Amino acid sequence: MNSKLISRLALGAILATGAGALSAQESLASKFSLSGSLGLGTDSLNDITNYGTSWWNPAAYNFDVGYTGKLAETTVPFRVSIGANFMPGGTYEIREDGIFLGNLPRRSLRGYYLAGDLFIDSRISSGLQFILGGSLNKWSVTEHDEGVSKKHSIKGIKFGGRFGLDYKISDNLSFNAIFQVTELGHTYALEDPMPDAGPGVWNPSWLQLGFKYSF
């Protein structure tokens, strides 16, 4: 996905929800919440982490804490959150004509983020809402090879976009499915470049399934 498009989507969503946060009214019963999820990586993530994923062997883990209120002068719910993503990565076997030649090192990602999400009534079910949001991310990459781990910090703040569904089953609990894509940048953006990173642009994406508990 185009990096400029990701940046514009993320910035627009965060500015919108930020405006709501500044104008939220106490009478709207704003709530704090905790959220957690497991993620299935797309090729764009798996190519970075050398990982083939499944739901019983997730590519990504996510946790955040958030504040939910109403967007200024509207009845549209918004949520501002801070959280962390962890993609553990895996080893990838190199084979030629069925002959094992070795493994690519395991590569993991860790990121911390500030996100803003709008919750839009689906008009399909009273508990179902569409999610549209953006995020600001700080990433690091760790390469694990023969028992030695080396962490590489990614320069700068990276933008992300996200959309999905949230289904509320009670006043306090909901389940969600969210597709996320973020910038990671050119491989040469590593503050401490990896010798086997190769040229190119990294924009990882993944689908995450999780829950949100409000209190």
Protein backbone atom coordinates (compact mmCIF):
# COMPACT_ATOMS: atom_id res chain seq x y z
CA MET A 1 0.00 0.00 0.00
CA ASN A 2 1.21 3.53 -0.84
CA SER A 3 3.03 5.10 2.11
CA LYS A 4 1.52 8.56 1.47
CA LEU A 5 -1.99 7.09 1.55
CA ILE A 6 -1.25 5.31 4.84
CA SER A 7 0.06 8.56 6.31
CA ARG A 8 -2.97 10.61 5.26
CA LEU A 9 -5.47 8.04 6.56
CA ALA A 10 -3.68 7.73 9.88
CA LEU A 11 -3.26 11.46 10.41
CA GLY A 12 -6.88 12.20 9.50
CA ALA A 13 -8.26 9.62 11.90
CA ILE A 14 -6.00 10.67 14.78
CA LEU A 15 -6.79 14.38 14.33
CA ALA A 16 -10.52 13.63 14.21
CA THR A 17 -10.47 11.53 17.35
CA GLY A 18 -8.12 13.95 19.07
CA ALA A 19 -10.62 16.75 18.48
CA GLY A 20 -13.29 14.57 20.02
CA ALA A 21 -11.14 13.87 23.06
CA LEU A 22 -10.68 17.57 23.72
CA SER A 23 -14.44 18.17 23.53
CA ALA A 24 -15.83 15.03 25.15
CA GLN A 25 -18.62 15.65 27.64
CA GLU A 26 -18.77 13.87 31.00
CA SER A 27 -22.50 13.23 30.57
CA LEU A 28 -21.71 10.89 27.70
CA ALA A 29 -20.39 8.27 30.13
CA SER A 30 -16.92 7.90 28.56
CA LYS A 31 -15.18 4.66 29.47
CA PHE A 32 -11.69 3.29 29.82
CA SER A 33 -11.00 -0.07 28.20
CA LEU A 34 -8.48 -2.87 27.77
CA SER A 35 -8.07 -4.69 24.48
CA GLY A 36 -6.13 -7.76 23.36
CA SER A 37 -5.87 -9.73 20.12
CA LEU A 38 -4.06 -12.36 18.07
CA GLY A 39 -3.04 -11.70 14.47
CA LEU A 40 -2.65 -13.58 11.20
CA GLY A 41 0.04 -12.06 8.99
CA THR A 42 -0.19 -11.31 5.29
CA ASP A 43 2.76 -11.93 2.97
CA SER A 44 3.98 -8.37 3.62
CA LEU A 45 4.48 -9.21 7.32
CA ASN A 46 5.62 -12.80 6.84
CA ASP A 47 8.31 -11.71 4.37
CA ILE A 48 9.82 -9.53 7.09
CA THR A 49 9.58 -12.05 9.93
CA ASN A 50 10.38 -15.19 7.84
CA TYR A 51 7.20 -16.68 9.23
CA GLY A 52 4.33 -18.83 7.97
CA THR A 53 1.36 -18.26 10.27
CA SER A 54 -1.91 -19.78 11.36
CA TRP A 55 -4.44 -18.99 14.09
CA TRP A 56 -2.95 -21.70 16.31
CA ASN A 57 0.50 -20.20 15.71
CA PRO A 58 -0.20 -16.42 15.55
CA ALA A 59 2.01 -13.95 13.72
CA ALA A 60 1.11 -11.01 15.94
CA TYR A 61 0.08 -10.22 19.50
CA ASN A 62 -1.55 -6.92 20.47
CA PHE A 63 -2.48 -5.23 23.74
CA ASP A 64 -3.70 -1.70 24.44
CA VAL A 65 -5.46 0.56 26.91
CA GLY A 66 -7.90 3.17 25.68
CA TYR A 67 -10.38 5.93 26.46
CA THR A 68 -13.76 5.89 24.73
CA GLY A 69 -16.07 8.88 24.38
CA LYS A 70 -18.08 10.73 21.73
CA LEU A 71 -16.72 12.74 18.81
CA ALA A 72 -17.22 16.47 19.35
CA GLU A 73 -20.74 17.71 18.58
CA THR A 74 -21.82 14.25 17.36
CA THR A 75 -23.03 10.93 18.71
CA VAL A 76 -20.20 9.05 16.96
CA PRO A 77 -18.10 7.03 19.46
CA PHE A 78 -14.34 7.45 19.33
CA ARG A 79 -11.51 5.65 21.08
CA VAL A 80 -7.95 6.86 21.70
CA SER A 81 -5.50 4.15 22.77
CA ILE A 82 -1.87 3.42 23.49
CA GLY A 83 -0.56 -0.09 23.03
CA ALA A 84 2.04 -2.54 21.82
CA ASN A 85 2.39 -5.01 18.94
CA PHE A 86 4.72 -7.99 18.99
CA MET A 87 5.47 -10.22 16.00
CA PRO A 88 7.71 -13.09 17.17
CA GLY A 89 8.84 -14.26 13.74
CA GLY A 90 10.21 -17.64 12.79
CA THR A 91 12.90 -19.45 10.82
CA TYR A 92 12.55 -20.13 7.11
CA GLU A 93 14.17 -23.15 5.49
CA ILE A 94 16.15 -22.57 2.30
CA ARG A 95 15.86 -25.53 -0.07
CA GLU A 96 16.94 -26.16 -3.64
CA ASP A 97 15.68 -29.22 -5.51
CA GLY A 98 14.50 -30.60 -2.17
CA ILE A 99 17.95 -30.23 -0.61
CA PHE A 100 18.13 -28.35 2.69
CA LEU A 101 20.66 -25.51 2.44
CA GLY A 102 20.07 -23.74 5.75
CA ASN A 103 17.73 -21.37 7.60
CA LEU A 104 17.14 -17.66 7.31
CA PRO A 105 17.54 -16.05 10.75
CA ARG A 106 14.39 -15.45 12.78
CA ARG A 107 13.37 -11.81 12.64
CA SER A 108 10.89 -10.30 15.13
CA LEU A 109 9.11 -6.95 15.26
CA ARG A 110 8.12 -4.93 18.30
CA GLY A 111 6.13 -1.71 18.11
CA TYR A 112 4.48 0.83 20.38
CA TYR A 113 1.67 3.04 19.12
CA LEU A 114 -0.87 5.79 19.66
CA ALA A 115 -4.12 5.11 17.80
CA GLY A 116 -7.44 6.82 17.17
CA ASP A 117 -10.56 4.95 16.02
CA LEU A 118 -14.06 5.99 15.00
CA PHE A 119 -16.92 3.55 15.64
CA ILE A 120 -19.63 3.92 12.99
CA ASP A 121 -23.11 2.40 13.33
CA SER A 122 -23.46 -0.45 10.82
CA ARG A 123 -27.28 -0.17 10.67
CA ILE A 124 -27.21 -3.96 10.35
CA SER A 125 -27.35 -4.89 14.02
CA SER A 126 -27.60 -2.77 17.17
CA GLY A 127 -24.35 -4.25 18.47
CA LEU A 128 -22.32 -4.11 15.23
CA GLN A 129 -20.11 -1.14 14.38
CA PHE A 130 -17.56 -0.39 11.67
CA ILE A 131 -14.10 0.72 12.83
CA LEU A 132 -12.01 3.28 10.94
CA GLY A 133 -8.80 4.61 12.40
CA GLY A 134 -5.12 5.42 12.22
CA SER A 135 -1.98 5.06 14.29
CA LEU A 136 1.45 6.51 14.99
CA ASN A 137 4.02 3.75 15.48
CA LYS A 138 7.57 3.34 16.76
CA TRP A 139 9.17 0.06 15.60
CA SER A 140 12.24 -2.05 16.25
CA VAL A 141 13.45 -5.21 14.52
CA THR A 142 15.40 -7.97 16.28
CA GLU A 143 17.40 -10.56 14.35
CA HIS A 144 17.95 -13.91 16.09
CA ASP A 145 20.73 -16.07 14.66
CA GLU A 146 22.43 -19.06 16.29
CA GLY A 147 21.50 -18.00 19.80
CA VAL A 148 22.56 -14.38 19.31
CA SER A 149 19.96 -11.57 19.20
CA LYS A 150 20.63 -8.11 17.80
CA LYS A 151 18.09 -5.30 18.00
CA HIS A 152 17.78 -2.70 15.23
CA SER A 153 15.74 0.45 15.85
CA ILE A 154 13.69 1.89 12.98
CA LYS A 155 14.22 5.60 12.50
CA GLY A 156 11.31 7.94 13.07
CA ILE A 157 7.56 7.61 13.68
CA LYS A 158 5.59 5.51 11.18
CA PHE A 159 1.97 5.97 10.18
CA GLY A 160 -0.63 3.21 10.06
CA GLY A 161 -4.22 2.71 8.92
CA ARG A 162 -6.83 0.29 10.29
CA PHE A 163 -10.40 -0.74 9.62
CA GLY A 164 -12.67 -3.51 10.82
CA LEU A 165 -15.75 -4.55 12.79
CA ASP A 166 -16.66 -4.43 16.47
CA TYR A 167 -19.55 -6.46 17.90
CA LYS A 168 -20.82 -5.54 21.35
CA ILE A 169 -22.26 -8.45 23.34
CA SER A 170 -22.75 -6.58 26.63
CA ASP A 171 -22.25 -3.11 28.11
CA ASN A 172 -18.67 -4.01 28.96
CA LEU A 173 -17.51 -6.63 26.44
CA SER A 174 -17.13 -6.64 22.66
CA PHE A 175 -15.26 -8.70 20.07
CA ASN A 176 -13.53 -7.26 17.03
CA ALA A 177 -11.80 -8.06 13.76
CA ILE A 178 -9.36 -5.40 12.54
CA PHE A 179 -7.10 -5.24 9.49
CA GLN A 180 -3.99 -3.13 10.08
CA VAL A 181 -1.28 -1.85 7.76
CA THR A 182 1.65 0.34 8.84
CA GLU A 183 4.74 1.88 7.38
CA LEU A 184 8.00 0.34 8.46
CA GLY A 185 10.07 2.16 5.89
CA HIS A 186 12.95 1.42 3.55
CA THR A 187 15.30 -1.26 4.79
CA TYR A 188 18.05 1.33 4.85
CA ALA A 189 16.01 3.27 7.48
CA LEU A 190 17.38 0.90 10.10
CA GLU A 191 19.58 2.79 12.53
CA ASP A 192 21.84 -0.26 12.55
CA PRO A 193 21.34 -1.90 9.12
CA MET A 194 21.13 -5.68 8.86
CA PRO A 195 23.48 -7.17 6.27
CA ASP A 196 20.80 -9.44 4.75
CA ALA A 197 17.89 -6.97 4.87
CA GLY A 198 17.96 -6.44 1.12
CA PRO A 199 16.67 -3.37 -0.74
CA GLY A 200 13.02 -2.38 -0.69
CA VAL A 201 10.17 -0.91 1.32
CA TRP A 202 8.53 -2.69 4.26
CA ASN A 203 4.82 -2.01 4.89
CA PRO A 204 3.61 -4.93 7.05
CA SER A 205 -0.09 -5.76 7.39
CA TRP A 206 -2.08 -8.30 9.37
CA LEU A 207 -5.61 -9.30 10.42
CA GLN A 208 -6.23 -9.40 14.15
CA LEU A 209 -9.10 -10.94 16.13
CA GLY A 210 -9.62 -9.84 19.70
CA PHE A 211 -11.77 -8.43 22.47
CA LYS A 212 -12.32 -5.13 24.27
CA TYR A 213 -13.36 -4.87 27.90
CA SER A 214 -14.68 -1.49 29.10
CA PHE A 215 -14.87 -0.33 32.68
